[in-house]
N, C-alpha and C. Protein backbone atom coordinates (compact mmCIF):
# COMPACT_ATOMS: atom_id res chain seq x y z
N MET A 1 0.81 -1.18 0.00
CA MET A 1 0.00 0.00 0.00
C MET A 1 0.86 1.26 0.00
N MET A 2 1.88 1.27 0.86
CA MET A 2 2.76 2.43 0.90
C MET A 2 3.46 2.62 -0.44
N ALA A 3 3.91 1.52 -1.02
CA ALA A 3 4.58 1.60 -2.32
C ALA A 3 3.62 2.12 -3.38
N HIS A 4 2.37 1.70 -3.31
CA HIS A 4 1.37 2.18 -4.27
C HIS A 4 1.20 3.69 -4.14
N LEU A 5 1.12 4.19 -2.92
CA LEU A 5 0.98 5.63 -2.70
C LEU A 5 2.23 6.37 -3.18
N GLU A 6 3.39 5.85 -2.88
CA GLU A 6 4.65 6.49 -3.26
C GLU A 6 4.83 6.54 -4.78
N MET A 7 4.39 5.50 -5.47
CA MET A 7 4.58 5.43 -6.92
C MET A 7 3.50 6.15 -7.71
N ASN A 8 2.30 6.25 -7.15
CA ASN A 8 1.16 6.78 -7.89
C ASN A 8 0.62 8.09 -7.34
N TYR A 9 1.40 8.78 -6.51
CA TYR A 9 0.92 10.00 -5.86
C TYR A 9 0.36 11.06 -6.81
N PRO A 10 0.85 11.19 -8.06
CA PRO A 10 0.27 12.25 -8.91
C PRO A 10 -1.16 11.94 -9.38
N GLN A 11 -1.54 10.66 -9.36
CA GLN A 11 -2.87 10.30 -9.82
C GLN A 11 -3.90 10.48 -8.71
N ALA A 12 -5.16 10.55 -9.13
CA ALA A 12 -6.26 10.57 -8.17
C ALA A 12 -6.32 9.19 -7.53
N ILE A 13 -6.21 9.14 -6.22
CA ILE A 13 -6.26 7.88 -5.48
C ILE A 13 -7.32 8.04 -4.40
N GLY A 14 -8.28 7.15 -4.39
CA GLY A 14 -9.35 7.22 -3.40
C GLY A 14 -9.25 6.12 -2.37
N LEU A 15 -9.95 6.31 -1.30
CA LEU A 15 -9.96 5.36 -0.20
C LEU A 15 -10.52 4.01 -0.66
N THR A 16 -11.54 4.04 -1.51
CA THR A 16 -12.13 2.80 -2.01
C THR A 16 -11.11 1.99 -2.80
N GLU A 17 -10.33 2.67 -3.63
CA GLU A 17 -9.27 2.00 -4.41
C GLU A 17 -8.24 1.37 -3.49
N LEU A 18 -7.81 2.12 -2.48
CA LEU A 18 -6.80 1.59 -1.55
C LEU A 18 -7.33 0.40 -0.77
N ALA A 19 -8.58 0.50 -0.34
CA ALA A 19 -9.18 -0.60 0.41
C ALA A 19 -9.30 -1.85 -0.47
N ALA A 20 -9.65 -1.66 -1.74
CA ALA A 20 -9.74 -2.79 -2.66
C ALA A 20 -8.36 -3.44 -2.84
N LEU A 21 -7.32 -2.63 -2.92
CA LEU A 21 -5.96 -3.18 -3.03
C LEU A 21 -5.61 -4.04 -1.81
N ALA A 22 -6.05 -3.58 -0.66
CA ALA A 22 -5.74 -4.31 0.58
C ALA A 22 -6.74 -5.44 0.84
N GLY A 23 -7.86 -5.44 0.12
CA GLY A 23 -8.86 -6.47 0.32
C GLY A 23 -9.65 -6.32 1.60
N ILE A 24 -9.80 -5.06 2.06
CA ILE A 24 -10.56 -4.81 3.29
C ILE A 24 -11.52 -3.64 3.09
N HIS A 25 -12.41 -3.45 4.03
CA HIS A 25 -13.37 -2.36 3.99
C HIS A 25 -12.65 -1.03 4.23
N PRO A 26 -13.09 0.05 3.56
CA PRO A 26 -12.41 1.35 3.73
C PRO A 26 -12.29 1.83 5.18
N SER A 27 -13.32 1.62 5.99
CA SER A 27 -13.21 2.08 7.39
C SER A 27 -12.17 1.26 8.16
N HIS A 28 -12.09 -0.02 7.87
CA HIS A 28 -11.07 -0.86 8.52
C HIS A 28 -9.67 -0.43 8.07
N LEU A 29 -9.54 -0.13 6.79
CA LEU A 29 -8.27 0.36 6.27
C LEU A 29 -7.83 1.62 7.01
N CYS A 30 -8.75 2.55 7.17
CA CYS A 30 -8.42 3.82 7.86
C CYS A 30 -7.96 3.56 9.29
N ARG A 31 -8.68 2.71 10.00
CA ARG A 31 -8.30 2.40 11.39
C ARG A 31 -6.91 1.78 11.47
N GLU A 32 -6.67 0.77 10.65
CA GLU A 32 -5.39 0.06 10.69
C GLU A 32 -4.23 0.94 10.21
N PHE A 33 -4.47 1.69 9.15
CA PHE A 33 -3.43 2.57 8.63
C PHE A 33 -3.04 3.60 9.68
N LYS A 34 -4.05 4.20 10.30
CA LYS A 34 -3.78 5.23 11.31
C LYS A 34 -3.05 4.62 12.52
N LYS A 35 -3.43 3.40 12.88
CA LYS A 35 -2.78 2.74 14.01
C LYS A 35 -1.29 2.50 13.72
N HIS A 36 -0.96 2.14 12.49
CA HIS A 36 0.43 1.80 12.15
C HIS A 36 1.26 2.97 11.64
N VAL A 37 0.61 3.94 10.98
CA VAL A 37 1.35 5.04 10.36
C VAL A 37 1.18 6.36 11.12
N GLY A 38 0.06 6.51 11.80
CA GLY A 38 -0.16 7.73 12.58
C GLY A 38 -1.06 8.75 11.91
N CYS A 39 -1.52 8.43 10.71
CA CYS A 39 -2.44 9.32 10.00
C CYS A 39 -3.25 8.48 9.02
N SER A 40 -4.27 9.08 8.44
CA SER A 40 -5.10 8.36 7.48
C SER A 40 -4.33 8.14 6.18
N PRO A 41 -4.78 7.19 5.35
CA PRO A 41 -4.11 6.98 4.06
C PRO A 41 -4.12 8.23 3.19
N LEU A 42 -5.21 8.96 3.18
CA LEU A 42 -5.28 10.15 2.34
C LEU A 42 -4.43 11.29 2.90
N GLU A 43 -4.29 11.36 4.21
CA GLU A 43 -3.39 12.35 4.80
C GLU A 43 -1.94 12.00 4.46
N HIS A 44 -1.62 10.72 4.50
CA HIS A 44 -0.27 10.28 4.11
C HIS A 44 -0.01 10.63 2.65
N LEU A 45 -0.98 10.39 1.80
CA LEU A 45 -0.84 10.73 0.38
C LEU A 45 -0.57 12.23 0.22
N LYS A 46 -1.29 13.04 0.97
CA LYS A 46 -1.08 14.48 0.91
C LYS A 46 0.34 14.84 1.34
N ARG A 47 0.84 14.19 2.36
CA ARG A 47 2.21 14.46 2.83
C ARG A 47 3.25 14.04 1.80
N VAL A 48 3.01 12.92 1.13
CA VAL A 48 3.91 12.47 0.06
C VAL A 48 3.93 13.52 -1.05
N ARG A 49 2.75 13.99 -1.42
CA ARG A 49 2.66 15.00 -2.47
C ARG A 49 3.39 16.28 -2.09
N ILE A 50 3.23 16.72 -0.86
CA ILE A 50 3.89 17.94 -0.40
C ILE A 50 5.40 17.75 -0.36
N GLN A 51 5.85 16.60 0.06
CA GLN A 51 7.29 16.33 0.10
C GLN A 51 7.88 16.38 -1.31
N ARG A 52 7.19 15.77 -2.26
CA ARG A 52 7.65 15.81 -3.66
C ARG A 52 7.60 17.24 -4.20
N ALA A 53 6.57 17.98 -3.83
CA ALA A 53 6.44 19.36 -4.27
C ALA A 53 7.58 20.22 -3.73
N SER A 54 7.98 19.99 -2.49
CA SER A 54 9.07 20.80 -1.92
C SER A 54 10.36 20.60 -2.71
N VAL A 55 10.60 19.38 -3.17
CA VAL A 55 11.78 19.12 -4.00
C VAL A 55 11.67 19.87 -5.32
N LEU A 56 10.50 19.78 -5.95
CA LEU A 56 10.30 20.47 -7.23
C LEU A 56 10.43 21.99 -7.09
N LEU A 57 9.92 22.52 -6.00
CA LEU A 57 10.01 23.97 -5.80
C LEU A 57 11.47 24.42 -5.70
N ARG A 58 12.29 23.61 -5.09
CA ARG A 58 13.71 23.94 -4.93
C ARG A 58 14.52 23.68 -6.21
N GLU A 59 14.15 22.63 -6.95
CA GLU A 59 15.02 22.17 -8.03
C GLU A 59 14.51 22.42 -9.44
N SER A 60 13.34 23.02 -9.59
CA SER A 60 12.82 23.22 -10.95
C SER A 60 12.41 24.68 -11.14
N ASP A 61 12.16 25.00 -12.39
CA ASP A 61 11.68 26.33 -12.74
C ASP A 61 10.17 26.37 -12.90
N LYS A 62 9.50 25.27 -12.61
CA LYS A 62 8.04 25.22 -12.74
C LYS A 62 7.40 26.26 -11.82
N SER A 63 6.28 26.80 -12.28
CA SER A 63 5.54 27.73 -11.42
C SER A 63 4.94 26.95 -10.25
N VAL A 64 4.55 27.66 -9.22
CA VAL A 64 3.92 27.03 -8.06
C VAL A 64 2.68 26.27 -8.52
N LYS A 65 1.92 26.86 -9.40
CA LYS A 65 0.72 26.22 -9.92
C LYS A 65 1.07 24.92 -10.64
N GLU A 66 2.09 24.94 -11.48
CA GLU A 66 2.51 23.73 -12.21
C GLU A 66 3.00 22.65 -11.25
N VAL A 67 3.73 23.04 -10.22
CA VAL A 67 4.21 22.08 -9.23
C VAL A 67 3.02 21.41 -8.56
N GLY A 68 2.05 22.19 -8.15
CA GLY A 68 0.85 21.63 -7.52
C GLY A 68 0.15 20.62 -8.40
N PHE A 69 -0.04 20.98 -9.66
CA PHE A 69 -0.69 20.06 -10.60
C PHE A 69 0.16 18.80 -10.80
N SER A 70 1.46 18.95 -10.89
CA SER A 70 2.33 17.80 -11.20
C SER A 70 2.40 16.79 -10.06
N VAL A 71 2.09 17.20 -8.84
CA VAL A 71 2.11 16.25 -7.72
C VAL A 71 0.72 15.75 -7.36
N GLY A 72 -0.30 16.16 -8.12
CA GLY A 72 -1.61 15.58 -7.91
C GLY A 72 -2.70 16.47 -7.37
N PHE A 73 -2.41 17.73 -7.11
CA PHE A 73 -3.45 18.63 -6.64
C PHE A 73 -4.24 19.15 -7.83
N LYS A 74 -5.56 19.22 -7.69
CA LYS A 74 -6.42 19.65 -8.79
C LYS A 74 -6.63 21.16 -8.82
N ARG A 75 -6.44 21.81 -7.68
CA ARG A 75 -6.64 23.27 -7.60
C ARG A 75 -5.44 23.91 -6.91
N PRO A 76 -4.96 25.04 -7.46
CA PRO A 76 -3.82 25.72 -6.84
C PRO A 76 -4.09 26.13 -5.39
N GLU A 77 -5.32 26.51 -5.09
CA GLU A 77 -5.65 26.94 -3.72
C GLU A 77 -5.50 25.77 -2.74
N ALA A 78 -5.94 24.58 -3.16
CA ALA A 78 -5.82 23.40 -2.30
C ALA A 78 -4.36 23.06 -2.07
N PHE A 79 -3.55 23.18 -3.11
CA PHE A 79 -2.11 22.92 -2.98
C PHE A 79 -1.48 23.90 -1.98
N SER A 80 -1.75 25.18 -2.16
CA SER A 80 -1.14 26.18 -1.27
C SER A 80 -1.56 25.98 0.18
N LYS A 81 -2.83 25.69 0.38
CA LYS A 81 -3.35 25.49 1.74
C LYS A 81 -2.71 24.25 2.38
N ALA A 82 -2.65 23.14 1.64
CA ALA A 82 -2.06 21.91 2.16
C ALA A 82 -0.57 22.10 2.42
N PHE A 83 0.11 22.77 1.51
CA PHE A 83 1.55 23.01 1.66
C PHE A 83 1.82 23.81 2.94
N LYS A 84 1.05 24.86 3.13
CA LYS A 84 1.25 25.70 4.31
C LYS A 84 0.96 24.92 5.59
N ARG A 85 -0.05 24.07 5.58
CA ARG A 85 -0.40 23.28 6.76
C ARG A 85 0.72 22.29 7.11
N VAL A 86 1.32 21.68 6.10
CA VAL A 86 2.35 20.65 6.34
C VAL A 86 3.72 21.28 6.58
N ILE A 87 4.11 22.25 5.75
CA ILE A 87 5.46 22.83 5.81
C ILE A 87 5.55 24.03 6.75
N GLY A 88 4.47 24.80 6.85
CA GLY A 88 4.48 25.94 7.75
C GLY A 88 4.62 27.28 7.05
N CYS A 89 4.75 27.26 5.73
CA CYS A 89 4.81 28.50 4.96
C CYS A 89 4.23 28.24 3.58
N SER A 90 3.97 29.28 2.85
CA SER A 90 3.41 29.12 1.51
C SER A 90 4.46 28.54 0.56
N PRO A 91 4.03 27.92 -0.52
CA PRO A 91 5.00 27.40 -1.50
C PRO A 91 5.90 28.50 -2.05
N ARG A 92 5.35 29.67 -2.29
CA ARG A 92 6.13 30.79 -2.83
C ARG A 92 7.20 31.22 -1.84
N HIS A 93 6.84 31.31 -0.57
CA HIS A 93 7.81 31.69 0.46
C HIS A 93 8.87 30.61 0.63
N PHE A 94 8.46 29.34 0.55
CA PHE A 94 9.40 28.22 0.67
C PHE A 94 10.45 28.28 -0.44
N ARG A 95 10.02 28.66 -1.61
CA ARG A 95 10.92 28.70 -2.77
C ARG A 95 11.87 29.89 -2.71
N SER A 96 11.46 30.99 -2.13
CA SER A 96 12.28 32.21 -2.17
C SER A 96 13.61 32.00 -1.46
N PRO A 97 14.67 32.58 -2.01
CA PRO A 97 15.99 32.42 -1.37
C PRO A 97 16.01 33.04 0.02
N ARG A 98 16.73 32.41 0.88
CA ARG A 98 16.77 32.88 2.28
C ARG A 98 17.86 33.87 2.49
């Protein structure tokens, strides 16, 4: 499951899909995943996406909007909000030289 999230993070991945991969009910998946990882599967996916985005922001010339789309966010606002929640600053501020 972790490998699936790590390899497919740019695609739309839903809880039902993950539960089907594991062969269990979605609510059971959430309970077990949270017990072992410390967060829900979709929260983990969001963290993977933000981690990949932070690398792209530092190492590419892509716009913030393009980075968000390339890691799987459908809306720039959702990307910026999630990035700020996980990293503690906006993507634009994260990218700016210190």
